[in-house]
Amino acid sequence: MVARTCEICGKGRVSGNKISHSNRHSRRTWEPNLKRVKAMINGTVKRINVCTGCLRSGRVKRAL
């Protein structure tokens, strides 16, 4: 497991430029919106890091 990645779709950190009003460029990163949830994986309950896109789309079956 790699930190800060969705364990379902693999979405992770993305890098780019922060651009100020005076058009100066500096590096920055965007982190995915991850939630640590209990999910049913192959019939067992596991805690996994999942992005909110996967949660909303129903790709993850949450265990209650």
PDB file of N, CA and C in Angstrom:
ATOM      1  N   MET A   1       0.842  -1.194   0.000  1.00  0.00           N
ATOM      2  CA  MET A   1       0.000   0.000   0.000  1.00  0.00           C
ATOM      3  C   MET A   1       0.878   1.244   0.000  1.00  0.00           C
ATOM      4  N   VAL A   2       0.615   2.145  -0.915  1.00  0.00           N
ATOM      5  CA  VAL A   2       1.333   3.408  -0.984  1.00  0.00           C
ATOM      6  C   VAL A   2       0.483   4.469  -0.305  1.00  0.00           C
ATOM      7  N   ALA A   3       1.107   5.331   0.453  1.00  0.00           N
ATOM      8  CA  ALA A   3       0.359   6.341   1.191  1.00  0.00           C
ATOM      9  C   ALA A   3      -0.323   7.323   0.246  1.00  0.00           C
ATOM     10  N   ARG A   4      -1.465   7.831   0.682  1.00  0.00           N
ATOM     11  CA  ARG A   4      -2.211   8.858  -0.033  1.00  0.00           C
ATOM     12  C   ARG A   4      -2.652   8.438  -1.436  1.00  0.00           C
ATOM     13  N   THR A   5      -3.031   7.176  -1.571  1.00  0.00           N
ATOM     14  CA  THR A   5      -3.616   6.726  -2.825  1.00  0.00           C
ATOM     15  C   THR A   5      -4.889   5.947  -2.517  1.00  0.00           C
ATOM     16  N   CYS A   6      -5.834   6.020  -3.427  1.00  0.00           N
ATOM     17  CA  CYS A   6      -7.074   5.256  -3.300  1.00  0.00           C
ATOM     18  C   CYS A   6      -6.762   3.802  -3.613  1.00  0.00           C
ATOM     19  N   GLU A   7      -7.206   2.892  -2.755  1.00  0.00           N
ATOM     20  CA  GLU A   7      -6.911   1.480  -2.962  1.00  0.00           C
ATOM     21  C   GLU A   7      -7.855   0.834  -3.970  1.00  0.00           C
ATOM     22  N   ILE A   8      -8.847   1.574  -4.457  1.00  0.00           N
ATOM     23  CA  ILE A   8      -9.762   1.047  -5.460  1.00  0.00           C
ATOM     24  C   ILE A   8      -9.352   1.507  -6.862  1.00  0.00           C
ATOM     25  N   CYS A   9      -9.236   2.807  -7.068  1.00  0.00           N
ATOM     26  CA  CYS A   9      -8.948   3.321  -8.411  1.00  0.00           C
ATOM     27  C   CYS A   9      -7.500   3.749  -8.599  1.00  0.00           C
ATOM     28  N   GLY A  10      -6.723   3.859  -7.513  1.00  0.00           N
ATOM     29  CA  GLY A  10      -5.321   4.237  -7.639  1.00  0.00           C
ATOM     30  C   GLY A  10      -5.065   5.722  -7.739  1.00  0.00           C
ATOM     31  N   LYS A  11      -6.096   6.525  -7.523  1.00  0.00           N
ATOM     32  CA  LYS A  11      -5.913   7.980  -7.593  1.00  0.00           C
ATOM     33  C   LYS A  11      -4.933   8.417  -6.515  1.00  0.00           C
ATOM     34  N   GLY A  12      -3.984   9.273  -6.877  1.00  0.00           N
ATOM     35  CA  GLY A  12      -2.963   9.704  -5.931  1.00  0.00           C
ATOM     36  C   GLY A  12      -2.638  11.176  -6.070  1.00  0.00           C
ATOM     37  N   ARG A  13      -1.476  11.534  -5.546  1.00  0.00           N
ATOM     38  CA  ARG A  13      -1.021  12.920  -5.546  1.00  0.00           C
ATOM     39  C   ARG A  13      -0.709  13.373  -6.967  1.00  0.00           C
ATOM     40  N   VAL A  14      -1.108  14.601  -7.304  1.00  0.00           N
ATOM     41  CA  VAL A  14      -0.836  15.200  -8.608  1.00  0.00           C
ATOM     42  C   VAL A  14      -0.076  16.486  -8.362  1.00  0.00           C
ATOM     43  N   SER A  15       0.936  16.763  -9.177  1.00  0.00           N
ATOM     44  CA  SER A  15       1.720  17.975  -8.982  1.00  0.00           C
ATOM     45  C   SER A  15       1.512  18.926 -10.148  1.00  0.00           C
ATOM     46  N   GLY A  16       1.777  20.192  -9.880  1.00  0.00           N
ATOM     47  CA  GLY A  16       1.630  21.220 -10.897  1.00  0.00           C
ATOM     48  C   GLY A  16       2.201  22.520 -10.394  1.00  0.00           C
ATOM     49  N   ASN A  17       1.763  23.616 -10.974  1.00  0.00           N
ATOM     50  CA  ASN A  17       2.268  24.925 -10.598  1.00  0.00           C
ATOM     51  C   ASN A  17       1.213  25.740  -9.883  1.00  0.00           C
ATOM     52  N   LYS A  18       1.633  26.431  -8.822  1.00  0.00           N
ATOM     53  CA  LYS A  18       0.816  27.465  -8.207  1.00  0.00           C
ATOM     54  C   LYS A  18       1.185  28.741  -8.929  1.00  0.00           C
ATOM     55  N   ILE A  19       0.198  29.474  -9.427  1.00  0.00           N
ATOM     56  CA  ILE A  19       0.461  30.681 -10.203  1.00  0.00           C
ATOM     57  C   ILE A  19      -0.142  31.865  -9.469  1.00  0.00           C
ATOM     58  N   SER A  20       0.693  32.794  -9.071  1.00  0.00           N
ATOM     59  CA  SER A  20       0.230  33.942  -8.306  1.00  0.00           C
ATOM     60  C   SER A  20      -0.408  34.982  -9.229  1.00  0.00           C
ATOM     61  N   HIS A  21      -0.959  36.007  -8.619  1.00  0.00           N
ATOM     62  CA  HIS A  21      -1.587  37.081  -9.392  1.00  0.00           C
ATOM     63  C   HIS A  21      -0.567  37.776 -10.295  1.00  0.00           C
ATOM     64  N   SER A  22       0.692  37.831  -9.854  1.00  0.00           N
ATOM     65  CA  SER A  22       1.746  38.446 -10.671  1.00  0.00           C
ATOM     66  C   SER A  22       2.392  37.438 -11.625  1.00  0.00           C
ATOM     67  N   ASN A  23       1.770  36.271 -11.780  1.00  0.00           N
ATOM     68  CA  ASN A  23       2.167  35.223 -12.717  1.00  0.00           C
ATOM     69  C   ASN A  23       3.492  34.557 -12.365  1.00  0.00           C
ATOM     70  N   ARG A  24       3.867  34.576 -11.084  1.00  0.00           N
ATOM     71  CA  ARG A  24       5.041  33.821 -10.642  1.00  0.00           C
ATOM     72  C   ARG A  24       4.632  32.367 -10.427  1.00  0.00           C
ATOM     73  N   HIS A  25       5.508  31.440 -10.786  1.00  0.00           N
ATOM     74  CA  HIS A  25       5.202  30.013 -10.703  1.00  0.00           C
ATOM     75  C   HIS A  25       6.005  29.360  -9.583  1.00  0.00           C
ATOM     76  N   SER A  26       5.346  28.537  -8.801  1.00  0.00           N
ATOM     77  CA  SER A  26       6.029  27.692  -7.826  1.00  0.00           C
ATOM     78  C   SER A  26       5.298  26.362  -7.778  1.00  0.00           C
ATOM     79  N   ARG A  27       6.022  25.308  -7.397  1.00  0.00           N
ATOM     80  CA  ARG A  27       5.456  23.970  -7.431  1.00  0.00           C
ATOM     81  C   ARG A  27       4.476  23.744  -6.277  1.00  0.00           C
ATOM     82  N   ARG A  28       3.438  22.948  -6.543  1.00  0.00           N
ATOM     83  CA  ARG A  28       2.481  22.580  -5.511  1.00  0.00           C
ATOM     84  C   ARG A  28       1.907  21.212  -5.839  1.00  0.00           C
ATOM     85  N   THR A  29       1.195  20.613  -4.878  1.00  0.00           N
ATOM     86  CA  THR A  29       0.586  19.310  -5.097  1.00  0.00           C
ATOM     87  C   THR A  29      -0.885  19.355  -4.719  1.00  0.00           C
ATOM     88  N   TRP A  30      -1.646  18.467  -5.329  1.00  0.00           N
ATOM     89  CA  TRP A  30      -3.052  18.267  -4.995  1.00  0.00           C
ATOM     90  C   TRP A  30      -3.192  16.860  -4.448  1.00  0.00           C
ATOM     91  N   GLU A  31      -3.833  16.724  -3.300  1.00  0.00           N
ATOM     92  CA  GLU A  31      -4.047  15.419  -2.676  1.00  0.00           C
ATOM     93  C   GLU A  31      -5.471  14.944  -2.954  1.00  0.00           C
ATOM     94  N   PRO A  32      -5.664  13.648  -3.152  1.00  0.00           N
ATOM     95  CA  PRO A  32      -7.025  13.135  -3.322  1.00  0.00           C
ATOM     96  C   PRO A  32      -7.777  13.191  -1.997  1.00  0.00           C
ATOM     97  N   ASN A  33      -9.096  13.284  -2.080  1.00  0.00           N
ATOM     98  CA  ASN A  33      -9.941  13.330  -0.886  1.00  0.00           C
ATOM     99  C   ASN A  33     -10.205  11.902  -0.436  1.00  0.00           C
ATOM    100  N   LEU A  34      -9.352  11.408   0.481  1.00  0.00           N
ATOM    101  CA  LEU A  34      -9.422  10.017   0.914  1.00  0.00           C
ATOM    102  C   LEU A  34     -10.138   9.888   2.242  1.00  0.00           C
ATOM    103  N   LYS A  35     -10.893   8.809   2.382  1.00  0.00           N
ATOM    104  CA  LYS A  35     -11.556   8.460   3.635  1.00  0.00           C
ATOM    105  C   LYS A  35     -11.129   7.048   4.006  1.00  0.00           C
ATOM    106  N   ARG A  36     -10.911   6.818   5.289  1.00  0.00           N
ATOM    107  CA  ARG A  36     -10.564   5.467   5.762  1.00  0.00           C
ATOM    108  C   ARG A  36     -11.868   4.803   6.181  1.00  0.00           C
ATOM    109  N   VAL A  37     -12.299   3.800   5.415  1.00  0.00           N
ATOM    110  CA  VAL A  37     -13.599   3.187   5.647  1.00  0.00           C
ATOM    111  C   VAL A  37     -13.448   1.680   5.816  1.00  0.00           C
ATOM    112  N   LYS A  38     -14.432   1.096   6.509  1.00  0.00           N
ATOM    113  CA  LYS A  38     -14.539  -0.359   6.568  1.00  0.00           C
ATOM    114  C   LYS A  38     -15.295  -0.801   5.321  1.00  0.00           C
ATOM    115  N   ALA A  39     -14.713  -1.717   4.581  1.00  0.00           N
ATOM    116  CA  ALA A  39     -15.345  -2.179   3.343  1.00  0.00           C
ATOM    117  C   ALA A  39     -15.285  -3.698   3.268  1.00  0.00           C
ATOM    118  N   MET A  40     -16.226  -4.268   2.514  1.00  0.00           N
ATOM    119  CA  MET A  40     -16.232  -5.705   2.273  1.00  0.00           C
ATOM    120  C   MET A  40     -15.299  -5.996   1.100  1.00  0.00           C
ATOM    121  N   ILE A  41     -14.202  -6.713   1.386  1.00  0.00           N
ATOM    122  CA  ILE A  41     -13.240  -7.089   0.354  1.00  0.00           C
ATOM    123  C   ILE A  41     -13.149  -8.610   0.349  1.00  0.00           C
ATOM    124  N   ASN A  42     -13.609  -9.232  -0.736  1.00  0.00           N
ATOM    125  CA  ASN A  42     -13.614 -10.697  -0.876  1.00  0.00           C
ATOM    126  C   ASN A  42     -14.281 -11.395   0.303  1.00  0.00           C
ATOM    127  N   GLY A  43     -15.380 -10.827   0.785  1.00  0.00           N
ATOM    128  CA  GLY A  43     -16.143 -11.441   1.863  1.00  0.00           C
ATOM    129  C   GLY A  43     -15.649 -11.132   3.263  1.00  0.00           C
ATOM    130  N   THR A  44     -14.554 -10.390   3.399  1.00  0.00           N
ATOM    131  CA  THR A  44     -14.044 -10.016   4.721  1.00  0.00           C
ATOM    132  C   THR A  44     -14.062  -8.513   4.870  1.00  0.00           C
ATOM    133  N   VAL A  45     -14.160  -8.070   6.116  1.00  0.00           N
ATOM    134  CA  VAL A  45     -14.196  -6.634   6.395  1.00  0.00           C
ATOM    135  C   VAL A  45     -12.776  -6.146   6.594  1.00  0.00           C
ATOM    136  N   LYS A  46     -12.389  -5.123   5.821  1.00  0.00           N
ATOM    137  CA  LYS A  46     -11.057  -4.533   5.933  1.00  0.00           C
ATOM    138  C   LYS A  46     -11.184  -3.020   5.976  1.00  0.00           C
ATOM    139  N   ARG A  47     -10.221  -2.368   6.620  1.00  0.00           N
ATOM    140  CA  ARG A  47     -10.141  -0.911   6.576  1.00  0.00           C
ATOM    141  C   ARG A  47      -9.248  -0.516   5.408  1.00  0.00           C
ATOM    142  N   ILE A  48      -9.790   0.292   4.502  1.00  0.00           N
ATOM    143  CA  ILE A  48      -9.012   0.713   3.337  1.00  0.00           C
ATOM    144  C   ILE A  48      -9.176   2.204   3.122  1.00  0.00           C
ATOM    145  N   ASN A  49      -8.208   2.806   2.441  1.00  0.00           N
ATOM    146  CA  ASN A  49      -8.285   4.206   2.051  1.00  0.00           C
ATOM    147  C   ASN A  49      -8.972   4.284   0.699  1.00  0.00           C
ATOM    148  N   VAL A  50     -10.077   5.037   0.649  1.00  0.00           N
ATOM    149  CA  VAL A  50     -10.888   5.127  -0.560  1.00  0.00           C
ATOM    150  C   VAL A  50     -11.164   6.593  -0.847  1.00  0.00           C
ATOM    151  N   CYS A  51     -11.060   6.989  -2.116  1.00  0.00           N
ATOM    152  CA  CYS A  51     -11.396   8.368  -2.470  1.00  0.00           C
ATOM    153  C   CYS A  51     -12.916   8.532  -2.471  1.00  0.00           C
ATOM    154  N   THR A  52     -13.363   9.750  -2.286  1.00  0.00           N
ATOM    155  CA  THR A  52     -14.800   9.999  -2.191  1.00  0.00           C
ATOM    156  C   THR A  52     -15.507   9.755  -3.517  1.00  0.00           C
ATOM    157  N   GLY A  53     -14.786   9.827  -4.620  1.00  0.00           N
ATOM    158  CA  GLY A  53     -15.389   9.506  -5.911  1.00  0.00           C
ATOM    159  C   GLY A  53     -15.807   8.048  -5.987  1.00  0.00           C
ATOM    160  N   CYS A  54     -14.971   7.164  -5.470  1.00  0.00           N
ATOM    161  CA  CYS A  54     -15.312   5.734  -5.458  1.00  0.00           C
ATOM    162  C   CYS A  54     -16.453   5.456  -4.486  1.00  0.00           C
ATOM    163  N   LEU A  55     -16.480   6.172  -3.366  1.00  0.00           N
ATOM    164  CA  LEU A  55     -17.579   5.986  -2.411  1.00  0.00           C
ATOM    165  C   LEU A  55     -18.915   6.405  -3.016  1.00  0.00           C
ATOM    166  N   ARG A  56     -18.932   7.559  -3.674  1.00  0.00           N
ATOM    167  CA  ARG A  56     -20.178   8.068  -4.245  1.00  0.00           C
ATOM    168  C   ARG A  56     -20.656   7.225  -5.409  1.00  0.00           C
ATOM    169  N   SER A  57     -19.729   6.687  -6.209  1.00  0.00           N
ATOM    170  CA  SER A  57     -20.127   5.950  -7.401  1.00  0.00           C
ATOM    171  C   SER A  57     -20.539   4.517  -7.093  1.00  0.00           C
ATOM    172  N   GLY A  58     -20.327   4.063  -5.853  1.00  0.00           N
ATOM    173  CA  GLY A  58     -20.742   2.724  -5.481  1.00  0.00           C
ATOM    174  C   GLY A  58     -19.742   1.647  -5.819  1.00  0.00           C
ATOM    175  N   ARG A  59     -18.496   2.008  -6.107  1.00  0.00           N
ATOM    176  CA  ARG A  59     -17.457   1.010  -6.382  1.00  0.00           C
ATOM    177  C   ARG A  59     -17.019   0.282  -5.136  1.00  0.00           C
ATOM    178  N   VAL A  60     -17.400   0.824  -3.947  1.00  0.00           N
ATOM    179  CA  VAL A  60     -17.001   0.223  -2.672  1.00  0.00           C
ATOM    180  C   VAL A  60     -18.255  -0.183  -1.931  1.00  0.00           C
ATOM    181  N   LYS A  61     -18.282  -1.420  -1.431  1.00  0.00           N
ATOM    182  CA  LYS A  61     -19.377  -1.890  -0.592  1.00  0.00           C
ATOM    183  C   LYS A  61     -18.960  -1.696   0.841  1.00  0.00           C
ATOM    184  N   ARG A  62     -19.590  -0.716   1.535  1.00  0.00           N
ATOM    185  CA  ARG A  62     -19.234  -0.435   2.919  1.00  0.00           C
ATOM    186  C   ARG A  62     -19.781  -1.491   3.857  1.00  0.00           C
ATOM    187  N   ALA A  63     -19.006  -1.830   4.864  1.00  0.00           N
ATOM    188  CA  ALA A  63     -19.433  -2.777   5.896  1.00  0.00           C
ATOM    189  C   ALA A  63     -19.947  -1.971   7.077  1.00  0.00           C
ATOM    190  N   LEU A  64     -21.118  -2.324   7.557  1.00  0.00           N
ATOM    191  CA  LEU A  64     -21.707  -1.573   8.679  1.00  0.00           C
ATOM    192  C   LEU A  64     -21.592  -2.310   9.973  1.00  0.00           C
TER     193      LEU A  64
END
